[in-house]
C-alpha atoms as a PDB file:
ATOM      1  CA  MET A   1     -15.848  37.014   7.834  1.00  0.00           C
ATOM      2  CA  SER A   2     -17.290  34.389   5.439  1.00  0.00           C
ATOM      3  CA  THR A   3     -13.957  32.576   5.277  1.00  0.00           C
ATOM      4  CA  THR A   4     -13.606  32.542   9.068  1.00  0.00           C
ATOM      5  CA  ARG A   5     -17.114  31.162   9.421  1.00  0.00           C
ATOM      6  CA  LEU A   6     -16.455  28.517   6.763  1.00  0.00           C
ATOM      7  CA  GLN A   7     -13.270  27.410   8.510  1.00  0.00           C
ATOM      8  CA  ALA A   8     -15.216  26.925  11.743  1.00  0.00           C
ATOM      9  CA  LEU A   9     -18.086  25.083  10.081  1.00  0.00           C
ATOM     10  CA  ILE A  10     -16.331  22.519   7.889  1.00  0.00           C
ATOM     11  CA  PRO A  11     -15.121  20.301  10.783  1.00  0.00           C
ATOM     12  CA  GLN A  12     -18.759  20.138  11.942  1.00  0.00           C
ATOM     13  CA  LEU A  13     -19.943  18.349   8.813  1.00  0.00           C
ATOM     14  CA  HIS A  14     -21.544  15.068   9.844  1.00  0.00           C
ATOM     15  CA  THR A  15     -24.781  13.336   8.905  1.00  0.00           C
ATOM     16  CA  GLN A  16     -27.631  14.154  11.271  1.00  0.00           C
ATOM     17  CA  ARG A  17     -30.497  13.912   8.769  1.00  0.00           C
ATOM     18  CA  PRO A  18     -30.930  11.187   6.122  1.00  0.00           C
ATOM     19  CA  VAL A  19     -30.424  12.310   2.526  1.00  0.00           C
ATOM     20  CA  THR A  20     -31.795  10.650  -0.607  1.00  0.00           C
ATOM     21  CA  VAL A  21     -30.659  11.878  -4.010  1.00  0.00           C
ATOM     22  CA  VAL A  22     -33.151  11.070  -6.779  1.00  0.00           C
ATOM     23  CA  GLY A  23     -32.205  11.921 -10.335  1.00  0.00           C
ATOM     24  CA  ALA A  24     -29.865  11.419 -13.241  1.00  0.00           C
ATOM     25  CA  ALA A  25     -26.387  10.194 -13.978  1.00  0.00           C
ATOM     26  CA  VAL A  26     -25.456  10.874 -17.593  1.00  0.00           C
ATOM     27  CA  ILE A  27     -22.446  11.429 -19.812  1.00  0.00           C
ATOM     28  CA  ASP A  28     -21.284  14.965 -20.602  1.00  0.00           C
ATOM     29  CA  VAL A  29     -19.356  15.372 -23.842  1.00  0.00           C
ATOM     30  CA  ILE A  30     -17.754  18.778 -23.235  1.00  0.00           C
ATOM     31  CA  ALA A  31     -16.393  20.943 -26.030  1.00  0.00           C
ATOM     32  CA  ASP A  32     -15.097  24.492 -26.342  1.00  0.00           C
ATOM     33  CA  ALA A  33     -17.019  26.612 -28.853  1.00  0.00           C
ATOM     34  CA  TYR A  34     -15.873  30.049 -30.019  1.00  0.00           C
ATOM     35  CA  ALA A  35     -19.585  30.832 -30.508  1.00  0.00           C
ATOM     36  CA  LEU A  36     -22.877  28.977 -30.410  1.00  0.00           C
ATOM     37  CA  PRO A  37     -23.881  27.458 -33.763  1.00  0.00           C
ATOM     38  CA  TRP A  38     -26.527  29.160 -35.856  1.00  0.00           C
ATOM     39  CA  ARG A  39     -28.896  27.572 -38.338  1.00  0.00           C
ATOM     40  CA  GLY A  40     -27.095  26.128 -41.342  1.00  0.00           C
ATOM     41  CA  CYS A  41     -23.594  26.742 -39.984  1.00  0.00           C
ATOM     42  CA  ASP A  42     -20.695  24.351 -39.479  1.00  0.00           C
ATOM     43  CA  ILE A  43     -18.458  25.332 -36.554  1.00  0.00           C
ATOM     44  CA  GLU A  44     -15.279  23.661 -35.354  1.00  0.00           C
ATOM     45  CA  LEU A  45     -15.337  22.442 -31.731  1.00  0.00           C
ATOM     46  CA  LYS A  46     -12.428  21.606 -29.467  1.00  0.00           C
ATOM     47  CA  GLN A  47     -13.262  18.641 -27.274  1.00  0.00           C
ATOM     48  CA  GLN A  48     -12.346  19.042 -23.596  1.00  0.00           C
ATOM     49  CA  GLY A  49     -13.283  15.546 -22.574  1.00  0.00           C
ATOM     50  CA  VAL A  50     -15.983  13.012 -21.811  1.00  0.00           C
ATOM     51  CA  ASN A  51     -17.142  13.383 -18.216  1.00  0.00           C
ATOM     52  CA  VAL A  52     -19.667  11.599 -16.078  1.00  0.00           C
ATOM     53  CA  GLY A  53     -22.293  14.131 -15.056  1.00  0.00           C
ATOM     54  CA  GLY A  54     -25.963  14.669 -14.423  1.00  0.00           C
ATOM     55  CA  CYS A  55     -27.385  16.818 -11.640  1.00  0.00           C
ATOM     56  CA  ALA A  56     -27.895  13.988  -9.161  1.00  0.00           C
ATOM     57  CA  LEU A  57     -24.498  12.408  -9.857  1.00  0.00           C
ATOM     58  CA  ASN A  58     -22.731  15.733  -9.298  1.00  0.00           C
ATOM     59  CA  ILE A  59     -24.557  16.112  -5.983  1.00  0.00           C
ATOM     60  CA  ALA A  60     -23.810  12.521  -4.931  1.00  0.00           C
ATOM     61  CA  VAL A  61     -20.097  13.141  -5.559  1.00  0.00           C
ATOM     62  CA  ALA A  62     -20.178  16.406  -3.607  1.00  0.00           C
ATOM     63  CA  LEU A  63     -21.888  14.807  -0.612  1.00  0.00           C
ATOM     64  CA  LYS A  64     -19.482  11.869  -0.601  1.00  0.00           C
ATOM     65  CA  ARG A  65     -16.404  14.087  -0.707  1.00  0.00           C
ATOM     66  CA  LEU A  66     -17.791  16.250   2.099  1.00  0.00           C
ATOM     67  CA  GLY A  67     -18.281  13.157   4.257  1.00  0.00           C
ATOM     68  CA  ILE A  68     -22.089  13.065   4.185  1.00  0.00           C
ATOM     69  CA  ASP A  69     -23.824   9.694   3.841  1.00  0.00           C
ATOM     70  CA  ALA A  70     -26.594   9.601   1.253  1.00  0.00           C
ATOM     71  CA  SER A  71     -28.801   7.069  -0.493  1.00  0.00           C
ATOM     72  CA  ASN A  72     -28.419   7.527  -4.241  1.00  0.00           C
ATOM     73  CA  ALA A  73     -31.267   6.589  -6.579  1.00  0.00           C
ATOM     74  CA  LEU A  74     -29.635   7.244  -9.953  1.00  0.00           C
ATOM     75  CA  PRO A  75     -30.977   4.769 -12.533  1.00  0.00           C
ATOM     76  CA  LEU A  76     -28.185   2.888 -14.292  1.00  0.00           C
ATOM     77  CA  GLY A  77     -28.882   0.953 -17.485  1.00  0.00           C
ATOM     78  CA  GLN A  78     -27.101  -1.642 -19.588  1.00  0.00           C
ATOM     79  CA  GLY A  79     -24.939  -0.098 -22.265  1.00  0.00           C
ATOM     80  CA  VAL A  80     -21.729   1.740 -23.054  1.00  0.00           C
ATOM     81  CA  TRP A  81     -22.709   4.961 -21.264  1.00  0.00           C
ATOM     82  CA  ALA A  82     -24.089   3.090 -18.247  1.00  0.00           C
ATOM     83  CA  ASP A  83     -20.864   1.101 -17.848  1.00  0.00           C
ATOM     84  CA  ILE A  84     -18.775   4.281 -17.892  1.00  0.00           C
ATOM     85  CA  ILE A  85     -21.014   5.843 -15.231  1.00  0.00           C
ATOM     86  CA  ARG A  86     -21.037   2.698 -13.067  1.00  0.00           C
ATOM     87  CA  ASN A  87     -17.243   2.476 -13.129  1.00  0.00           C
ATOM     88  CA  ARG A  88     -16.900   6.163 -12.303  1.00  0.00           C
ATOM     89  CA  MET A  89     -19.283   5.836  -9.357  1.00  0.00           C
ATOM     90  CA  ALA A  90     -17.388   2.808  -8.080  1.00  0.00           C
ATOM     91  CA  LYS A  91     -14.155   4.834  -8.013  1.00  0.00           C
ATOM     92  CA  GLU A  92     -15.923   7.368  -5.777  1.00  0.00           C
ATOM     93  CA  GLY A  93     -17.244   4.617  -3.514  1.00  0.00           C
ATOM     94  CA  LEU A  94     -20.788   5.236  -4.749  1.00  0.00           C
ATOM     95  CA  HIS A  95     -23.502   2.856  -5.881  1.00  0.00           C
ATOM     96  CA  SER A  96     -27.058   3.321  -7.072  1.00  0.00           C
ATOM     97  CA  LEU A  97     -30.186   1.771  -5.593  1.00  0.00           C
ATOM     98  CA  ILE A  98     -31.567   1.432  -9.161  1.00  0.00           C
ATOM     99  CA  ASP A  99     -29.151  -0.633 -11.242  1.00  0.00           C
ATOM    100  CA  HIS A 100     -29.150  -2.634 -14.520  1.00  0.00           C
ATOM    101  CA  ALA A 101     -32.351  -1.082 -15.859  1.00  0.00           C
ATOM    102  CA  GLU A 102     -33.310  -1.960 -19.422  1.00  0.00           C
ATOM    103  CA  GLY A 103     -31.738   0.505 -21.842  1.00  0.00           C
ATOM    104  CA  ASP A 104     -28.748   2.842 -21.617  1.00  0.00           C
ATOM    105  CA  ASN A 105     -28.159   6.107 -19.807  1.00  0.00           C
ATOM    106  CA  GLY A 106     -28.484   9.435 -21.577  1.00  0.00           C
ATOM    107  CA  TRP A 107     -25.808  11.890 -22.625  1.00  0.00           C
ATOM    108  CA  CYS A 108     -25.475  15.528 -23.506  1.00  0.00           C
ATOM    109  CA  LEU A 109     -23.242  17.761 -25.570  1.00  0.00           C
ATOM    110  CA  ALA A 110     -22.069  20.724 -23.483  1.00  0.00           C
ATOM    111  CA  LEU A 111     -20.743  23.686 -25.462  1.00  0.00           C
ATOM    112  CA  VAL A 112     -18.544  26.030 -23.417  1.00  0.00           C
ATOM    113  CA  GLU A 113     -18.097  29.574 -24.734  1.00  0.00           C
ATOM    114  CA  PRO A 114     -14.956  31.659 -24.066  1.00  0.00           C
ATOM    115  CA  ASP A 115     -16.527  33.342 -20.991  1.00  0.00           C
ATOM    116  CA  GLY A 116     -17.260  29.949 -19.404  1.00  0.00           C
ATOM    117  CA  GLU A 117     -21.002  29.931 -20.086  1.00  0.00           C
ATOM    118  CA  ARG A 118     -22.327  26.508 -21.074  1.00  0.00           C
ATOM    119  CA  THR A 119     -25.175  25.369 -23.329  1.00  0.00           C
ATOM    120  CA  PHE A 120     -26.508  21.802 -23.170  1.00  0.00           C
ATOM    121  CA  MET A 121     -28.106  19.592 -25.833  1.00  0.00           C
ATOM    122  CA  SER A 122     -29.410  16.501 -24.077  1.00  0.00           C
ATOM    123  CA  PHE A 123     -30.466  12.976 -25.050  1.00  0.00           C
ATOM    124  CA  SER A 124     -32.603  11.138 -22.474  1.00  0.00           C
ATOM    125  CA  GLY A 125     -32.038   7.573 -21.321  1.00  0.00           C
ATOM    126  CA  VAL A 126     -33.130   5.380 -18.410  1.00  0.00           C
ATOM    127  CA  GLU A 127     -32.701   8.283 -15.986  1.00  0.00           C
ATOM    128  CA  ASN A 128     -36.046   9.656 -17.240  1.00  0.00           C
ATOM    129  CA  GLN A 129     -37.903   6.329 -17.238  1.00  0.00           C
ATOM    130  CA  TRP A 130     -38.935   6.155 -13.589  1.00  0.00           C
ATOM    131  CA  ASN A 131     -41.637   3.622 -12.730  1.00  0.00           C
ATOM    132  CA  ALA A 132     -43.528   2.430  -9.666  1.00  0.00           C
ATOM    133  CA  ASP A 133     -41.288  -0.622  -9.186  1.00  0.00           C
ATOM    134  CA  TRP A 134     -38.178   1.560  -8.904  1.00  0.00           C
ATOM    135  CA  LEU A 135     -39.830   3.907  -6.432  1.00  0.00           C
ATOM    136  CA  ALA A 136     -41.023   0.970  -4.333  1.00  0.00           C
ATOM    137  CA  GLN A 137     -37.365   0.065  -3.755  1.00  0.00           C
ATOM    138  CA  LEU A 138     -36.705   3.364  -1.973  1.00  0.00           C
ATOM    139  CA  THR A 139     -37.090   3.624   1.789  1.00  0.00           C
ATOM    140  CA  ILE A 140     -37.282   7.244   2.896  1.00  0.00           C
ATOM    141  CA  PRO A 141     -37.052   7.764   6.686  1.00  0.00           C
ATOM    142  CA  ARG A 142     -38.940  10.607   8.316  1.00  0.00           C
ATOM    143  CA  HIS A 143     -37.110  13.941   8.544  1.00  0.00           C
ATOM    144  CA  SER A 144     -35.154  13.094   5.383  1.00  0.00           C
ATOM    145  CA  LEU A 145     -33.902  15.548   2.808  1.00  0.00           C
ATOM    146  CA  VAL A 146     -34.966  14.400  -0.672  1.00  0.00           C
ATOM    147  CA  TYR A 147     -33.297  15.947  -3.721  1.00  0.00           C
ATOM    148  CA  LEU A 148     -35.153  16.162  -7.043  1.00  0.00           C
ATOM    149  CA  SER A 149     -34.259  17.943 -10.286  1.00  0.00           C
ATOM    150  CA  GLY A 150     -36.434  19.801 -12.738  1.00  0.00           C
ATOM    151  CA  TYR A 151     -35.072  17.576 -15.502  1.00  0.00           C
ATOM    152  CA  GLN A 152     -36.968  14.594 -14.079  1.00  0.00           C
ATOM    153  CA  LEU A 153     -39.982  16.586 -12.883  1.00  0.00           C
ATOM    154  CA  ALA A 154     -40.464  18.017 -16.394  1.00  0.00           C
ATOM    155  CA  SER A 155     -40.083  14.608 -18.068  1.00  0.00           C
ATOM    156  CA  PRO A 156     -42.949  12.175 -18.774  1.00  0.00           C
ATOM    157  CA  CYS A 157     -42.249  10.503 -15.402  1.00  0.00           C
ATOM    158  CA  GLY A 158     -42.730  13.790 -13.524  1.00  0.00           C
ATOM    159  CA  GLU A 159     -46.328  13.001 -12.546  1.00  0.00           C
ATOM    160  CA  LEU A 160     -45.246   9.689 -11.005  1.00  0.00           C
ATOM    161  CA  LEU A 161     -42.387  11.305  -9.073  1.00  0.00           C
ATOM    162  CA  VAL A 162     -44.662  14.008  -7.660  1.00  0.00           C
ATOM    163  CA  GLN A 163     -47.233  11.409  -6.647  1.00  0.00           C
ATOM    164  CA  TRP A 164     -44.455   9.534  -4.826  1.00  0.00           C
ATOM    165  CA  LEU A 165     -43.233  12.736  -3.175  1.00  0.00           C
ATOM    166  CA  GLU A 166     -46.757  13.474  -1.943  1.00  0.00           C
ATOM    167  CA  SER A 167     -46.856  10.039  -0.298  1.00  0.00           C
ATOM    168  CA  LEU A 168     -43.800  10.653   1.907  1.00  0.00           C
ATOM    169  CA  ASP A 169     -44.188  11.618   5.564  1.00  0.00           C
ATOM    170  CA  GLU A 170     -42.336  14.496   7.214  1.00  0.00           C
ATOM    171  CA  VAL A 171     -39.614  14.993   4.613  1.00  0.00           C
ATOM    172  CA  THR A 172     -38.040  18.145   3.202  1.00  0.00           C
ATOM    173  CA  PRO A 173     -37.801  18.084  -0.585  1.00  0.00           C
ATOM    174  CA  PHE A 174     -34.873  20.041  -2.043  1.00  0.00           C
ATOM    175  CA  ILE A 175     -35.703  20.988  -5.619  1.00  0.00           C
ATOM    176  CA  ASP A 176     -33.480  22.620  -8.206  1.00  0.00           C
ATOM    177  CA  PHE A 177     -35.783  23.209 -11.174  1.00  0.00           C
ATOM    178  CA  GLY A 178     -32.931  24.299 -13.417  1.00  0.00           C
ATOM    179  CA  PRO A 179     -33.673  25.427 -16.975  1.00  0.00           C
ATOM    180  CA  ARG A 180     -36.777  23.201 -17.103  1.00  0.00           C
ATOM    181  CA  ILE A 181     -38.685  25.425 -14.680  1.00  0.00           C
ATOM    182  CA  GLY A 182     -40.833  26.710 -17.531  1.00  0.00           C
ATOM    183  CA  ASP A 183     -41.628  23.207 -18.827  1.00  0.00           C
ATOM    184  CA  ILE A 184     -43.619  21.982 -15.805  1.00  0.00           C
ATOM    185  CA  SER A 185     -47.386  22.366 -16.065  1.00  0.00           C
ATOM    186  CA  ASP A 186     -49.196  24.739 -13.722  1.00  0.00           C
ATOM    187  CA  THR A 187     -51.086  21.854 -12.135  1.00  0.00           C
ATOM    188  CA  LEU A 188     -47.981  19.812 -11.438  1.00  0.00           C
ATOM    189  CA  MET A 189     -46.054  22.866 -10.235  1.00  0.00           C
ATOM    190  CA  ALA A 190     -48.818  23.659  -7.732  1.00  0.00           C
ATOM    191  CA  ARG A 191     -48.615  20.117  -6.366  1.00  0.00           C
ATOM    192  CA  ILE A 192     -44.820  20.309  -6.091  1.00  0.00           C
ATOM    193  CA  LEU A 193     -44.918  23.598  -4.182  1.00  0.00           C
ATOM    194  CA  ALA A 194     -47.674  22.234  -1.923  1.00  0.00           C
ATOM    195  CA  CYS A 195     -45.055  19.748  -0.645  1.00  0.00           C
ATOM    196  CA  HIS A 196     -43.202  22.773   0.814  1.00  0.00           C
ATOM    197  CA  PRO A 197     -39.816  22.129  -0.801  1.00  0.00           C
ATOM    198  CA  LEU A 198     -36.701  24.208  -0.380  1.00  0.00           C
ATOM    199  CA  VAL A 199     -36.264  25.582  -3.898  1.00  0.00           C
ATOM    200  CA  SER A 200     -32.948  26.710  -5.382  1.00  0.00           C
ATOM    201  CA  LEU A 201     -32.954  28.979  -8.463  1.00  0.00           C
ATOM    202  CA  ASN A 202     -30.307  30.813 -10.407  1.00  0.00           C
ATOM    203  CA  ARG A 203     -30.815  34.425 -11.502  1.00  0.00           C
ATOM    204  CA  GLN A 204     -32.363  33.515 -14.869  1.00  0.00           C
ATOM    205  CA  GLU A 205     -34.675  30.890 -13.377  1.00  0.00           C
ATOM    206  CA  ALA A 206     -35.840  33.376 -10.745  1.00  0.00           C
ATOM    207  CA  ASP A 207     -36.748  35.815 -13.540  1.00  0.00           C
ATOM    208  CA  ILE A 208     -38.801  33.069 -15.211  1.00  0.00           C
ATOM    209  CA  ALA A 209     -40.501  32.265 -11.895  1.00  0.00           C
ATOM    210  CA  ALA A 210     -41.201  35.960 -11.258  1.00  0.00           C
ATOM    211  CA  GLU A 211     -42.983  36.265 -14.599  1.00  0.00           C
ATOM    212  CA  ARG A 212     -44.801  32.966 -14.213  1.00  0.00           C
ATOM    213  CA  PHE A 213     -46.112  33.659 -10.719  1.00  0.00           C
ATOM    214  CA  ARG A 214     -46.395  37.448 -11.116  1.00  0.00           C
ATOM    215  CA  LEU A 215     -43.849  38.200  -8.427  1.00  0.00           C
ATOM    216  CA  SER A 216     -41.453  41.114  -8.082  1.00  0.00           C
ATOM    217  CA  VAL A 217     -38.368  41.011 -10.313  1.00  0.00           C
ATOM    218  CA  ASP A 218     -36.315  42.635  -7.541  1.00  0.00           C
ATOM    219  CA  VAL A 219     -34.630  39.780  -5.679  1.00  0.00           C
ATOM    220  CA  GLU A 220     -35.627  40.926  -2.187  1.00  0.00           C
ATOM    221  CA  GLY A 221     -39.192  41.527  -3.263  1.00  0.00           C
ATOM    222  CA  PHE A 222     -39.227  38.234  -5.124  1.00  0.00           C
ATOM    223  CA  GLY A 223     -38.046  36.268  -2.086  1.00  0.00           C
ATOM    224  CA  ALA A 224     -40.493  37.895   0.316  1.00  0.00           C
ATOM    225  CA  GLU A 225     -43.419  37.418  -2.060  1.00  0.00           C
ATOM    226  CA  TRP A 226     -42.400  33.800  -2.790  1.00  0.00           C
ATOM    227  CA  VAL A 227     -42.392  32.891   0.904  1.00  0.00           C
ATOM    228  CA  LYS A 228     -45.713  34.649   1.479  1.00  0.00           C
ATOM    229  CA  ARG A 229     -47.324  32.936  -1.534  1.00  0.00           C
ATOM    230  CA  PHE A 230     -45.968  29.395  -1.115  1.00  0.00           C
ATOM    231  CA  ALA A 231     -44.871  29.199   2.553  1.00  0.00           C
ATOM    232  CA  THR A 232     -41.664  27.497   1.479  1.00  0.00           C
ATOM    233  CA  PRO A 233     -38.008  28.636   1.450  1.00  0.00           C
ATOM    234  CA  VAL A 234     -36.227  29.773  -1.690  1.00  0.00           C
ATOM    235  CA  VAL A 235     -32.578  30.417  -2.528  1.00  0.00           C
ATOM    236  CA  VAL A 236     -31.633  32.664  -5.458  1.00  0.00           C
ATOM    237  CA  ARG A 237     -28.063  32.245  -6.699  1.00  0.00           C
ATOM    238  CA  HIS A 238     -26.473  35.354  -8.188  1.00  0.00           C
ATOM    239  CA  ASP A 239     -23.111  33.829  -9.144  1.00  0.00           C
ATOM    240  CA  LYS A 240     -20.266  36.211  -8.265  1.00  0.00           C
ATOM    241  CA  ASP A 241     -22.760  38.453  -6.449  1.00  0.00           C
ATOM    242  CA  GLY A 242     -23.532  35.781  -3.855  1.00  0.00           C
ATOM    243  CA  ALA A 243     -26.747  33.960  -3.028  1.00  0.00           C
ATOM    244  CA  TRP A 244     -29.936  35.226  -1.407  1.00  0.00           C
ATOM    245  CA  TYR A 245     -32.017  33.064   0.913  1.00  0.00           C
ATOM    246  CA  PHE A 246     -35.555  33.548   2.165  1.00  0.00           C
ATOM    247  CA  SER A 247     -37.736  31.625   4.593  1.00  0.00           C
ATOM    248  CA  GLU A 248     -40.603  32.431   6.957  1.00  0.00           C
ATOM    249  CA  THR A 249     -38.122  33.115   9.776  1.00  0.00           C
ATOM    250  CA  THR A 250     -34.978  34.501   8.133  1.00  0.00           C
ATOM    251  CA  SER A 251     -33.542  36.085   5.010  1.00  0.00           C
ATOM    252  CA  GLY A 252     -30.267  37.525   3.808  1.00  0.00           C
ATOM    253  CA  CYS A 253     -27.488  37.431   1.228  1.00  0.00           C
ATOM    254  CA  VAL A 254     -24.292  35.372   1.558  1.00  0.00           C
ATOM    255  CA  PRO A 255     -21.325  36.763  -0.427  1.00  0.00           C
ATOM    256  CA  ALA A 256     -19.648  34.624  -3.066  1.00  0.00           C
ATOM    257  CA  PHE A 257     -16.075  33.389  -2.806  1.00  0.00           C
ATOM    258  CA  PRO A 258     -13.879  34.902  -5.532  1.00  0.00           C
ATOM    259  CA  THR A 259     -12.649  32.447  -8.144  1.00  0.00           C
ATOM    260  CA  ASN A 260     -11.262  32.291 -11.668  1.00  0.00           C
ATOM    261  CA  VAL A 261     -14.125  30.812 -13.706  1.00  0.00           C
ATOM    262  CA  VAL A 262     -13.062  27.977 -16.037  1.00  0.00           C
ATOM    263  CA  ASP A 263     -16.535  26.695 -16.887  1.00  0.00           C
ATOM    264  CA  THR A 264     -19.907  26.812 -15.166  1.00  0.00           C
ATOM    265  CA  ILE A 265     -20.898  23.181 -15.743  1.00  0.00           C
ATOM    266  CA  GLY A 266     -22.310  21.795 -12.499  1.00  0.00           C
ATOM    267  CA  ALA A 267     -22.365  25.190 -10.763  1.00  0.00           C
ATOM    268  CA  GLY A 268     -25.943  24.840  -9.555  1.00  0.00           C
ATOM    269  CA  ASP A 269     -25.523  21.149  -8.743  1.00  0.00           C
ATOM    270  CA  SER A 270     -22.422  21.752  -6.649  1.00  0.00           C
ATOM    271  CA  HIS A 271     -24.155  24.597  -4.809  1.00  0.00           C
ATOM    272  CA  ALA A 272     -27.035  22.232  -4.050  1.00  0.00           C
ATOM    273  CA  GLY A 273     -24.584  19.556  -2.883  1.00  0.00           C
ATOM    274  CA  GLY A 274     -22.956  21.991  -0.475  1.00  0.00           C
ATOM    275  CA  MET A 275     -26.315  23.168   0.814  1.00  0.00           C
ATOM    276  CA  LEU A 276     -27.557  19.605   1.297  1.00  0.00           C
ATOM    277  CA  ALA A 277     -24.388  18.730   3.212  1.00  0.00           C
ATOM    278  CA  GLY A 278     -24.953  21.686   5.528  1.00  0.00           C
ATOM    279  CA  LEU A 279     -28.654  20.971   6.018  1.00  0.00           C
ATOM    280  CA  ALA A 280     -27.935  17.272   6.636  1.00  0.00           C
ATOM    281  CA  SER A 281     -25.522  18.404   9.361  1.00  0.00           C
ATOM    282  CA  GLY A 282     -28.259  20.405  11.067  1.00  0.00           C
ATOM    283  CA  TRP A 283     -26.934  23.806  10.016  1.00  0.00           C
ATOM    284  CA  SER A 284     -28.988  26.951   9.553  1.00  0.00           C
ATOM    285  CA  LEU A 285     -30.140  27.978   6.089  1.00  0.00           C
ATOM    286  CA  SER A 286     -27.577  30.803   5.945  1.00  0.00           C
ATOM    287  CA  ASP A 287     -24.681  28.501   6.865  1.00  0.00           C
ATOM    288  CA  ALA A 288     -25.861  25.913   4.321  1.00  0.00           C
ATOM    289  CA  VAL A 289     -25.861  28.623   1.635  1.00  0.00           C
ATOM    290  CA  LEU A 290     -22.355  29.653   2.713  1.00  0.00           C
ATOM    291  CA  LEU A 291     -21.105  26.101   2.136  1.00  0.00           C
ATOM    292  CA  GLY A 292     -22.994  25.963  -1.156  1.00  0.00           C
ATOM    293  CA  ASN A 293     -21.195  29.126  -2.266  1.00  0.00           C
ATOM    294  CA  ALA A 294     -17.814  27.667  -1.314  1.00  0.00           C
ATOM    295  CA  VAL A 295     -18.385  24.371  -3.132  1.00  0.00           C
ATOM    296  CA  GLY A 296     -19.831  26.160  -6.155  1.00  0.00           C
ATOM    297  CA  SER A 297     -16.859  28.531  -6.405  1.00  0.00           C
ATOM    298  CA  TRP A 298     -14.489  25.557  -6.358  1.00  0.00           C
ATOM    299  CA  VAL A 299     -16.331  23.687  -9.103  1.00  0.00           C
ATOM    300  CA  VAL A 300     -16.570  26.611 -11.548  1.00  0.00           C
ATOM    301  CA  GLY A 301     -12.811  27.013 -11.159  1.00  0.00           C
ATOM    302  CA  HIS A 302     -12.244  23.467 -12.462  1.00  0.00           C
ATOM    303  CA  ARG A 303     -13.222  21.559 -15.586  1.00  0.00           C
ATOM    304  CA  GLY A 304     -16.462  19.551 -15.537  1.00  0.00           C
ATOM    305  CA  GLY A 305     -19.250  19.312 -12.997  1.00  0.00           C
ATOM    306  CA  ASP A 306     -18.181  16.219 -11.045  1.00  0.00           C
ATOM    307  CA  CYS A 307     -15.096  17.803  -9.441  1.00  0.00           C
ATOM    308  CA  ALA A 308     -16.450  18.812  -6.032  1.00  0.00           C
ATOM    309  CA  PRO A 309     -13.812  19.408  -3.342  1.00  0.00           C
ATOM    310  CA  SER A 310     -13.127  17.371  -0.238  1.00  0.00           C
ATOM    311  CA  ARG A 311     -13.304  19.002   3.184  1.00  0.00           C
ATOM    312  CA  GLY A 312      -9.524  19.214   3.254  1.00  0.00           C
ATOM    313  CA  ALA A 313      -9.380  20.866  -0.155  1.00  0.00           C
ATOM    314  CA  LEU A 314     -11.963  23.453   0.912  1.00  0.00           C
ATOM    315  CA  LEU A 315     -10.081  24.238   4.103  1.00  0.00           C
ATOM    316  CA  LEU A 316      -6.819  24.592   2.196  1.00  0.00           C
ATOM    317  CA  ALA A 317      -8.372  26.755  -0.535  1.00  0.00           C
ATOM    318  CA  HIS A 318      -9.686  29.250   1.996  1.00  0.00           C
ATOM    319  CA  LYS A 319      -6.921  29.028   4.582  1.00  0.00           C
ATOM    320  CA  ASP A 320      -5.205  32.310   3.814  1.00  0.00           C
ATOM    321  CA  VAL A 321      -8.018  34.209   2.136  1.00  0.00           C
END
C-alpha cells in the first residue's frame, strides 16, 4: 500500500510553497570504528572518505534532486573546507545566499560502528556565526517553509536566529532539533515552540523531550500531549518501525521502507528533506512523512549523508516492491 501510494505521489512533486533552508554546510570525515574510543585508548580507524555534509546541506541536496526549488542560506567561508563545499554545491547546481564569510567552515569526525550507528565530534566554523547582516539578506515570502536545525539554535547565535524567526509573517518553521535538543535553554525553547513549528524528532530525542516537558514516554501519548501542550505538529521517527505524526487534526504511523543499513549518517536530514519536498508540494502531513521515510531509507542504504535519491531513482527502487 505504501509503495503504491509513493508511486502515485512522486510525479506530483512540484514547488507550490517557497522553501528556505537555513543552517550548516560542513565537512564530514567518516571512519569505520570497531568500537567507540574510551579514555586513554588508541584505536585504529578505517577512513571511508571525506564528504560534504551538514544538516542543511543534506536537505538542500535532497530538495534539489527531488525537483523542489529552495533558497539556501548556508554560510560559506574562505578556506580549504569552504572551497570543497562550494565546489560540491556547484556540481549539484546549488549556491548559497551567504558566501565568502570571514573564516572557514567547520568539520566533524563521524565514527561509524559495525551496526551502522554513527557518533559525531564536531568543530564549528562560520556556519555558527550568524549575524544581523546575513539575516538581512534573506527575503522570506509569506506561507514559506523555513528549515532550522538544533545545531544552530543551540549555538551562541541561537538567540539571534529565534529573534529573526519571530519577525517573520505567516511562515511554517520546520525544526529538527537533533541531538542538541537538551542544550537549548528553557526560555529560548519556549520562544521557538511559540512560533508553532513542525518539529521532527528521532526516538531518542523524543525520550529527552518527554522527560524535559513531563510528557508520556509512550509515543502515542507523547504525540497527543505534545499537540495539546504546544499546539504544533510533531513527527517522531522510529527508524525501521516507521514514523509517527501528530497534529491538531490528524495522527497516525507511516511504515518504514525495508532497506539494508550501511550507515545512518544523514538519516534525519534526508527524512526532513523528503518531508519538506512533500509539504512544499502541498501534500498532507501523512504523505509528506511517507516521502520522508522513502528518502531516509535510501540514504541509510548508501554511504554518507549527501546521497539523496532523484525522483527517478526512488521510483525505480520501489517499482517492484
